[in-house]
N, C-alpha and C. Protein backbone atom coordinates (compact mmCIF):
# COMPACT_ATOMS: atom_id res chain seq x y z
N MET A 1 -2.37 -8.03 -10.95
CA MET A 1 -1.69 -8.84 -11.91
C MET A 1 -2.62 -9.40 -12.99
N ASN A 2 -3.93 -9.25 -12.79
CA ASN A 2 -4.90 -9.68 -13.82
C ASN A 2 -4.94 -8.77 -15.01
N SER A 3 -4.39 -7.57 -14.87
CA SER A 3 -4.25 -6.61 -16.00
C SER A 3 -2.81 -6.21 -16.10
N PRO A 4 -1.94 -6.97 -16.76
CA PRO A 4 -0.50 -6.70 -16.75
C PRO A 4 -0.12 -5.33 -17.26
N GLU A 5 -0.85 -4.75 -18.11
CA GLU A 5 -0.51 -3.44 -18.62
C GLU A 5 -1.01 -2.26 -17.77
N GLN A 6 -1.87 -2.55 -16.78
CA GLN A 6 -2.34 -1.56 -15.85
C GLN A 6 -1.16 -1.10 -15.03
N PRO A 7 -1.03 0.26 -14.84
CA PRO A 7 0.13 0.74 -14.07
C PRO A 7 0.02 0.38 -12.60
N LEU A 8 1.18 0.37 -11.89
CA LEU A 8 1.17 0.11 -10.46
C LEU A 8 0.59 1.30 -9.76
N PRO A 9 0.17 1.17 -8.49
CA PRO A 9 -0.38 2.27 -7.75
C PRO A 9 0.61 3.42 -7.65
N THR A 10 0.07 4.66 -7.66
CA THR A 10 0.91 5.80 -7.52
C THR A 10 1.05 6.15 -6.03
N PHE A 11 1.91 7.16 -5.72
CA PHE A 11 2.24 7.46 -4.30
C PHE A 11 1.00 7.93 -3.54
N ASP A 12 0.01 8.53 -4.21
CA ASP A 12 -1.16 9.04 -3.52
C ASP A 12 -2.19 7.95 -3.21
N GLU A 13 -2.00 6.76 -3.78
CA GLU A 13 -2.95 5.67 -3.58
C GLU A 13 -2.52 4.68 -2.46
N VAL A 14 -1.34 4.85 -1.91
CA VAL A 14 -0.86 3.91 -0.90
C VAL A 14 -0.40 4.67 0.32
N LEU A 15 -0.78 4.20 1.50
CA LEU A 15 -0.32 4.74 2.73
C LEU A 15 0.32 3.60 3.51
N LEU A 16 1.67 3.72 3.73
CA LEU A 16 2.43 2.71 4.49
C LEU A 16 2.40 3.19 5.94
N CYS A 17 1.65 2.50 6.78
CA CYS A 17 1.46 2.90 8.19
C CYS A 17 2.57 2.36 9.10
N THR A 18 2.93 3.18 10.03
CA THR A 18 3.88 2.80 11.08
C THR A 18 3.35 3.37 12.39
N PRO A 19 3.91 3.02 13.52
CA PRO A 19 3.47 3.58 14.79
C PRO A 19 3.60 5.15 14.82
N GLN A 20 4.48 5.71 13.95
CA GLN A 20 4.70 7.12 13.89
C GLN A 20 3.74 7.85 12.92
N THR A 21 2.94 7.13 12.19
CA THR A 21 1.99 7.77 11.21
C THR A 21 1.04 8.64 12.01
N THR A 22 0.83 9.84 11.56
CA THR A 22 -0.02 10.80 12.27
C THR A 22 -1.50 10.72 11.80
N ALA A 23 -2.37 11.25 12.60
CA ALA A 23 -3.80 11.31 12.26
C ALA A 23 -3.98 12.18 11.05
N GLU A 24 -3.19 13.21 10.88
CA GLU A 24 -3.24 14.09 9.69
C GLU A 24 -2.93 13.34 8.43
N GLN A 25 -1.88 12.50 8.46
CA GLN A 25 -1.53 11.71 7.28
C GLN A 25 -2.65 10.76 6.90
N VAL A 26 -3.21 10.08 7.88
CA VAL A 26 -4.31 9.16 7.60
C VAL A 26 -5.53 9.90 7.16
N GLY A 27 -5.83 11.09 7.72
CA GLY A 27 -6.94 11.90 7.31
C GLY A 27 -6.82 12.34 5.86
N LEU A 28 -5.64 12.81 5.44
CA LEU A 28 -5.45 13.19 4.06
C LEU A 28 -5.64 12.00 3.10
N PHE A 29 -5.15 10.88 3.48
CA PHE A 29 -5.30 9.69 2.67
C PHE A 29 -6.78 9.27 2.56
N LEU A 30 -7.51 9.27 3.68
CA LEU A 30 -8.92 8.90 3.62
C LEU A 30 -9.74 9.91 2.83
N ARG A 31 -9.41 11.16 2.87
CA ARG A 31 -10.09 12.19 2.07
C ARG A 31 -9.89 11.95 0.62
N ARG A 32 -8.66 11.62 0.20
CA ARG A 32 -8.39 11.36 -1.19
C ARG A 32 -9.25 10.12 -1.65
N CYS A 33 -9.37 9.12 -0.77
CA CYS A 33 -10.09 7.93 -1.11
C CYS A 33 -11.59 8.15 -1.13
N LEU A 34 -12.13 8.84 -0.14
CA LEU A 34 -13.60 8.90 0.10
C LEU A 34 -14.32 10.09 -0.42
N ILE A 35 -13.64 11.15 -0.75
CA ILE A 35 -14.31 12.29 -1.26
C ILE A 35 -14.50 12.11 -2.76
N PRO A 36 -15.78 12.16 -3.24
CA PRO A 36 -16.04 11.87 -4.65
C PRO A 36 -15.37 12.91 -5.54
N CYS A 37 -14.76 12.41 -6.58
CA CYS A 37 -14.13 13.29 -7.59
C CYS A 37 -14.08 12.51 -8.89
N SER A 38 -13.56 13.19 -9.91
CA SER A 38 -13.52 12.55 -11.24
C SER A 38 -12.10 12.07 -11.59
N ARG A 39 -11.39 11.54 -10.61
CA ARG A 39 -9.97 11.12 -10.88
C ARG A 39 -9.89 9.67 -11.39
N GLY A 40 -10.95 9.07 -11.66
CA GLY A 40 -10.89 7.68 -12.20
C GLY A 40 -11.19 6.69 -11.13
N GLU A 41 -10.83 5.44 -11.42
CA GLU A 41 -11.12 4.36 -10.56
C GLU A 41 -9.91 3.83 -9.78
N LYS A 42 -9.36 4.69 -9.00
CA LYS A 42 -8.19 4.30 -8.22
C LYS A 42 -8.57 3.39 -7.07
N ILE A 43 -7.64 2.50 -6.72
CA ILE A 43 -7.79 1.61 -5.59
C ILE A 43 -6.81 2.07 -4.52
N TYR A 44 -7.31 2.53 -3.39
CA TYR A 44 -6.51 3.03 -2.31
C TYR A 44 -6.19 1.89 -1.32
N THR A 45 -4.93 1.90 -0.83
CA THR A 45 -4.50 0.80 0.03
C THR A 45 -3.77 1.32 1.25
N MET A 46 -4.16 0.92 2.41
CA MET A 46 -3.48 1.21 3.66
C MET A 46 -2.74 -0.06 4.04
N LEU A 47 -1.41 0.02 4.12
CA LEU A 47 -0.59 -1.13 4.46
C LEU A 47 -0.22 -1.05 5.92
N TYR A 48 -0.32 -2.18 6.61
CA TYR A 48 0.02 -2.26 8.03
C TYR A 48 -0.77 -1.31 8.90
N ALA A 49 -2.05 -1.17 8.62
CA ALA A 49 -2.90 -0.28 9.42
C ALA A 49 -2.96 -0.73 10.85
N ASP A 50 -2.65 -1.97 11.17
CA ASP A 50 -2.67 -2.48 12.53
C ASP A 50 -1.59 -1.84 13.33
N GLU A 51 -0.61 -1.21 12.75
CA GLU A 51 0.48 -0.58 13.48
C GLU A 51 0.16 0.87 13.92
N LEU A 52 -0.94 1.40 13.52
CA LEU A 52 -1.34 2.76 13.91
C LEU A 52 -1.58 2.80 15.41
N SER A 53 -1.23 3.93 16.05
CA SER A 53 -1.51 4.04 17.46
C SER A 53 -3.02 4.04 17.70
N TYR A 54 -3.41 3.83 18.93
CA TYR A 54 -4.83 3.80 19.31
C TYR A 54 -5.51 5.11 18.96
N ASP A 55 -4.92 6.18 19.35
CA ASP A 55 -5.52 7.51 19.08
C ASP A 55 -5.67 7.77 17.59
N VAL A 56 -4.67 7.48 16.85
CA VAL A 56 -4.73 7.71 15.35
C VAL A 56 -5.79 6.76 14.75
N SER A 57 -5.84 5.52 15.23
CA SER A 57 -6.83 4.59 14.70
C SER A 57 -8.23 5.03 14.99
N ARG A 58 -8.45 5.49 16.21
CA ARG A 58 -9.79 5.93 16.63
C ARG A 58 -10.23 7.13 15.77
N ARG A 59 -9.32 8.07 15.57
CA ARG A 59 -9.68 9.27 14.79
C ARG A 59 -9.87 8.87 13.29
N ALA A 60 -9.09 7.92 12.84
CA ALA A 60 -9.32 7.43 11.42
C ALA A 60 -10.64 6.79 11.26
N GLU A 61 -11.07 6.02 12.22
CA GLU A 61 -12.42 5.38 12.16
C GLU A 61 -13.48 6.44 12.15
N GLU A 62 -13.40 7.46 13.00
CA GLU A 62 -14.43 8.48 13.06
C GLU A 62 -14.49 9.25 11.69
N LEU A 63 -13.32 9.60 11.12
CA LEU A 63 -13.33 10.30 9.84
C LEU A 63 -13.92 9.35 8.77
N PHE A 64 -13.48 8.08 8.75
CA PHE A 64 -14.04 7.17 7.77
C PHE A 64 -15.55 7.06 7.88
N GLN A 65 -16.09 6.93 9.07
CA GLN A 65 -17.56 6.85 9.22
C GLN A 65 -18.24 8.10 8.70
N HIS A 66 -17.63 9.24 8.95
CA HIS A 66 -18.20 10.51 8.50
C HIS A 66 -18.16 10.65 6.95
N LEU A 67 -16.97 10.35 6.39
CA LEU A 67 -16.81 10.50 4.96
C LEU A 67 -17.49 9.47 4.12
N GLN A 68 -17.58 8.23 4.54
CA GLN A 68 -18.18 7.18 3.76
C GLN A 68 -19.66 7.37 3.57
N ARG A 69 -20.30 8.17 4.37
CA ARG A 69 -21.74 8.49 4.17
C ARG A 69 -21.96 9.26 2.89
N CYS A 70 -20.94 10.06 2.50
CA CYS A 70 -21.03 10.87 1.31
C CYS A 70 -20.67 10.17 -0.01
N ASN A 71 -20.05 8.99 0.10
CA ASN A 71 -19.55 8.34 -1.10
C ASN A 71 -19.68 6.82 -0.86
N SER A 72 -20.47 6.17 -1.70
CA SER A 72 -20.65 4.71 -1.57
C SER A 72 -19.86 4.01 -2.65
N THR A 73 -19.08 4.69 -3.43
CA THR A 73 -18.37 4.05 -4.51
C THR A 73 -16.84 4.03 -4.34
N TYR A 74 -16.37 4.24 -3.14
CA TYR A 74 -14.93 4.24 -2.89
C TYR A 74 -14.35 2.87 -3.02
N ARG A 75 -13.05 2.76 -3.24
CA ARG A 75 -12.34 1.48 -3.30
C ARG A 75 -11.15 1.55 -2.37
N LEU A 76 -11.27 0.88 -1.22
CA LEU A 76 -10.25 0.94 -0.19
C LEU A 76 -9.89 -0.49 0.30
N ILE A 77 -8.60 -0.74 0.31
CA ILE A 77 -8.08 -2.03 0.85
C ILE A 77 -7.25 -1.71 2.06
N ILE A 78 -7.50 -2.43 3.13
CA ILE A 78 -6.71 -2.25 4.35
C ILE A 78 -5.99 -3.56 4.62
N LEU A 79 -4.66 -3.57 4.56
CA LEU A 79 -3.86 -4.77 4.81
C LEU A 79 -3.26 -4.74 6.20
N CYS A 80 -3.43 -5.81 6.90
CA CYS A 80 -2.94 -5.89 8.27
C CYS A 80 -2.24 -7.24 8.48
N ASN A 81 -1.40 -7.24 9.50
CA ASN A 81 -0.71 -8.49 9.91
C ASN A 81 -1.73 -9.34 10.67
N CYS A 82 -1.82 -10.60 10.23
CA CYS A 82 -2.84 -11.47 10.89
C CYS A 82 -2.50 -11.76 12.33
N GLU A 83 -1.23 -11.54 12.72
CA GLU A 83 -0.86 -11.73 14.12
C GLU A 83 -1.37 -10.55 15.03
N ARG A 84 -1.76 -9.48 14.40
CA ARG A 84 -2.22 -8.31 15.15
C ARG A 84 -3.70 -8.00 14.81
N GLU A 85 -4.45 -9.07 14.58
CA GLU A 85 -5.83 -8.87 14.18
C GLU A 85 -6.75 -8.33 15.26
N HIS A 86 -6.24 -8.28 16.47
CA HIS A 86 -7.10 -7.73 17.57
C HIS A 86 -6.74 -6.23 17.87
N SER A 87 -5.90 -5.65 17.06
CA SER A 87 -5.66 -4.20 17.25
C SER A 87 -6.86 -3.45 16.73
N TYR A 88 -6.83 -2.15 16.87
CA TYR A 88 -8.05 -1.33 16.66
C TYR A 88 -8.62 -1.43 15.26
N ILE A 89 -7.84 -1.09 14.23
CA ILE A 89 -8.35 -1.03 12.89
C ILE A 89 -8.83 -2.37 12.39
N PRO A 90 -8.09 -3.46 12.60
CA PRO A 90 -8.63 -4.75 12.15
C PRO A 90 -9.96 -5.11 12.85
N SER A 91 -10.04 -4.77 14.14
CA SER A 91 -11.26 -5.05 14.88
C SER A 91 -12.47 -4.25 14.37
N VAL A 92 -12.25 -2.96 14.07
CA VAL A 92 -13.32 -2.09 13.59
C VAL A 92 -13.84 -2.57 12.25
N PHE A 93 -12.95 -3.02 11.36
CA PHE A 93 -13.37 -3.43 10.07
C PHE A 93 -13.44 -4.95 9.89
N SER A 94 -13.57 -5.67 10.98
CA SER A 94 -13.59 -7.12 11.01
C SER A 94 -14.72 -7.73 10.15
N GLN A 95 -15.83 -7.01 10.04
CA GLN A 95 -16.93 -7.57 9.26
C GLN A 95 -16.61 -7.67 7.78
N TYR A 96 -15.54 -6.95 7.33
CA TYR A 96 -15.15 -6.99 5.90
C TYR A 96 -13.92 -7.80 5.69
N LYS A 97 -13.43 -8.47 6.73
CA LYS A 97 -12.14 -9.17 6.70
C LYS A 97 -12.16 -10.32 5.66
N VAL A 98 -11.08 -10.42 4.95
CA VAL A 98 -10.87 -11.51 3.96
C VAL A 98 -9.41 -11.98 4.18
N HIS A 99 -9.24 -13.24 4.50
CA HIS A 99 -7.91 -13.78 4.66
C HIS A 99 -7.35 -14.05 3.28
N MET A 100 -6.16 -13.47 2.98
CA MET A 100 -5.57 -13.57 1.69
C MET A 100 -4.25 -14.38 1.71
N ILE A 101 -4.09 -15.22 0.78
CA ILE A 101 -2.84 -15.97 0.56
C ILE A 101 -2.51 -15.73 -0.91
N PRO A 102 -1.27 -15.32 -1.21
CA PRO A 102 -0.95 -15.12 -2.63
C PRO A 102 -1.28 -16.29 -3.49
N GLN A 103 -1.99 -16.04 -4.58
CA GLN A 103 -2.45 -17.11 -5.42
C GLN A 103 -1.57 -17.39 -6.63
N ARG A 104 -0.55 -16.59 -6.79
CA ARG A 104 0.35 -16.73 -7.95
C ARG A 104 1.71 -17.20 -7.45
N PRO A 105 2.39 -17.99 -8.24
CA PRO A 105 3.78 -18.42 -7.88
C PRO A 105 4.72 -17.25 -7.80
N LEU A 106 5.74 -17.37 -6.96
CA LEU A 106 6.70 -16.29 -6.73
C LEU A 106 7.31 -15.87 -8.03
N ALA A 107 7.67 -16.77 -8.92
CA ALA A 107 8.36 -16.44 -10.22
C ALA A 107 7.40 -15.53 -11.06
N GLU A 108 6.13 -15.82 -11.06
CA GLU A 108 5.18 -15.04 -11.85
C GLU A 108 5.05 -13.62 -11.26
N ILE A 109 5.04 -13.50 -9.93
CA ILE A 109 5.00 -12.20 -9.29
C ILE A 109 6.22 -11.39 -9.61
N GLN A 110 7.39 -12.05 -9.50
CA GLN A 110 8.64 -11.38 -9.84
C GLN A 110 8.68 -10.87 -11.28
N GLN A 111 8.20 -11.70 -12.22
CA GLN A 111 8.19 -11.29 -13.58
C GLN A 111 7.21 -10.09 -13.80
N TYR A 112 6.11 -10.06 -13.15
CA TYR A 112 5.17 -8.97 -13.21
C TYR A 112 5.86 -7.66 -12.76
N LEU A 113 6.51 -7.77 -11.60
CA LEU A 113 7.18 -6.56 -11.04
C LEU A 113 8.34 -6.12 -11.93
N GLN A 114 9.09 -7.06 -12.51
CA GLN A 114 10.17 -6.68 -13.41
C GLN A 114 9.63 -5.91 -14.64
N HIS A 115 8.47 -6.36 -15.09
CA HIS A 115 7.86 -5.64 -16.27
C HIS A 115 7.59 -4.21 -15.89
N HIS A 116 7.14 -3.90 -14.69
CA HIS A 116 6.77 -2.56 -14.30
C HIS A 116 7.93 -1.70 -13.79
N TYR A 117 8.99 -2.32 -13.31
CA TYR A 117 10.11 -1.59 -12.69
C TYR A 117 11.34 -1.52 -13.63
N ARG A 118 11.26 -2.02 -14.88
CA ARG A 118 12.38 -1.94 -15.75
C ARG A 118 12.41 -0.55 -16.44
N VAL A 119 13.58 0.03 -16.53
CA VAL A 119 13.71 1.30 -17.29
C VAL A 119 13.61 1.00 -18.74
N ALA A 120 12.79 1.73 -19.46
CA ALA A 120 12.48 1.44 -20.86
C ALA A 120 13.75 1.54 -21.75
N GLN A 121 14.45 2.61 -21.63
CA GLN A 121 15.65 2.76 -22.53
C GLN A 121 16.87 2.99 -21.58
N PRO A 122 17.86 2.09 -21.68
CA PRO A 122 19.04 2.27 -20.82
C PRO A 122 19.68 3.60 -21.04
N SER A 123 19.98 4.22 -19.96
CA SER A 123 20.62 5.53 -20.00
C SER A 123 21.65 5.62 -18.87
N SER A 124 22.10 6.81 -18.63
CA SER A 124 23.07 6.97 -17.54
C SER A 124 22.33 7.23 -16.21
N SER A 125 21.24 6.51 -16.01
CA SER A 125 20.47 6.67 -14.79
C SER A 125 20.98 5.70 -13.72
N ALA A 126 20.47 5.83 -12.53
CA ALA A 126 20.87 4.96 -11.44
C ALA A 126 20.37 3.55 -11.68
N ALA A 127 19.43 3.38 -12.62
CA ALA A 127 18.94 2.01 -12.92
C ALA A 127 19.98 1.13 -13.49
N SER A 128 21.02 1.71 -14.03
CA SER A 128 22.09 0.92 -14.62
C SER A 128 22.83 0.11 -13.55
N VAL A 129 22.71 0.50 -12.31
CA VAL A 129 23.37 -0.18 -11.23
C VAL A 129 22.70 -1.53 -10.93
N PHE A 130 21.41 -1.60 -11.05
CA PHE A 130 20.67 -2.82 -10.74
C PHE A 130 20.60 -3.79 -11.96
N LYS A 131 20.43 -4.98 -11.65
CA LYS A 131 20.37 -6.06 -12.65
C LYS A 131 19.23 -5.78 -13.63
N ASP A 132 19.53 -5.98 -14.95
CA ASP A 132 18.54 -5.81 -16.05
C ASP A 132 17.88 -4.43 -16.09
N ASN A 133 18.63 -3.41 -15.70
CA ASN A 133 18.12 -1.99 -15.77
C ASN A 133 16.86 -1.83 -14.96
N MET A 134 16.79 -2.39 -13.84
CA MET A 134 15.62 -2.23 -12.97
C MET A 134 15.76 -0.89 -12.21
N CYS A 135 14.68 -0.15 -11.96
CA CYS A 135 14.74 1.12 -11.30
C CYS A 135 14.60 0.98 -9.79
N VAL A 136 14.45 -0.29 -9.29
CA VAL A 136 14.44 -0.56 -7.88
C VAL A 136 15.27 -1.81 -7.67
N GLY A 137 15.76 -1.96 -6.48
CA GLY A 137 16.51 -3.16 -6.11
C GLY A 137 16.61 -3.32 -4.64
N ILE A 138 16.88 -4.49 -4.18
CA ILE A 138 17.06 -4.76 -2.75
C ILE A 138 18.53 -5.15 -2.58
N VAL A 139 19.17 -4.46 -1.68
CA VAL A 139 20.54 -4.79 -1.30
C VAL A 139 20.47 -5.27 0.17
N SER A 140 20.99 -6.44 0.42
CA SER A 140 20.96 -6.98 1.77
C SER A 140 22.28 -7.64 2.15
N SER A 141 22.44 -7.85 3.43
CA SER A 141 23.65 -8.49 3.93
C SER A 141 23.26 -9.37 5.11
N LYS A 142 23.95 -10.47 5.25
CA LYS A 142 23.68 -11.36 6.37
C LYS A 142 24.36 -10.83 7.64
N ARG A 143 25.30 -9.94 7.48
CA ARG A 143 26.00 -9.33 8.61
C ARG A 143 25.71 -7.85 8.69
N ALA A 144 25.50 -7.39 9.92
CA ALA A 144 25.19 -5.99 10.11
C ALA A 144 26.45 -5.17 9.98
N GLY A 145 26.36 -3.92 9.57
CA GLY A 145 27.45 -2.97 9.50
C GLY A 145 28.33 -3.17 8.28
N MET A 146 27.80 -3.77 7.25
CA MET A 146 28.61 -3.99 6.03
C MET A 146 28.52 -2.86 5.00
N GLY A 147 27.85 -1.75 5.40
CA GLY A 147 27.77 -0.61 4.51
C GLY A 147 26.78 -0.69 3.39
N LYS A 148 25.74 -1.46 3.59
CA LYS A 148 24.75 -1.65 2.51
C LYS A 148 23.43 -1.02 2.96
């Protein structure tokens, strides 16, 4: 948010981890992050890395240790749930841990995201369904089974 005109991360810069995330998926992500290349100054982010299985986490750590010897200029952020700080990945990288609390008001964050997710020129796209021609939206219901 410090650079409002900077684009949001692309699909290859973010890995959303679940218990079903495979070692191969994590390996591909770490290789993109840690193998030196001329693709610019991307910031790679692993979300919910604490949810990886033990085996996948262990293999990810081994690969990270191997690849990071070849590249000291990588930019990697690993976000974890503070309630699962004793799982494998948070424990392995605990020396780099930084507790984060959002520093911006919710309204400012929403305005920033609206700037990036608004369709530039209204057209007959699916964005016309969402408020203010946004290309993403959240549909929720307080009751299950309401077809949303």
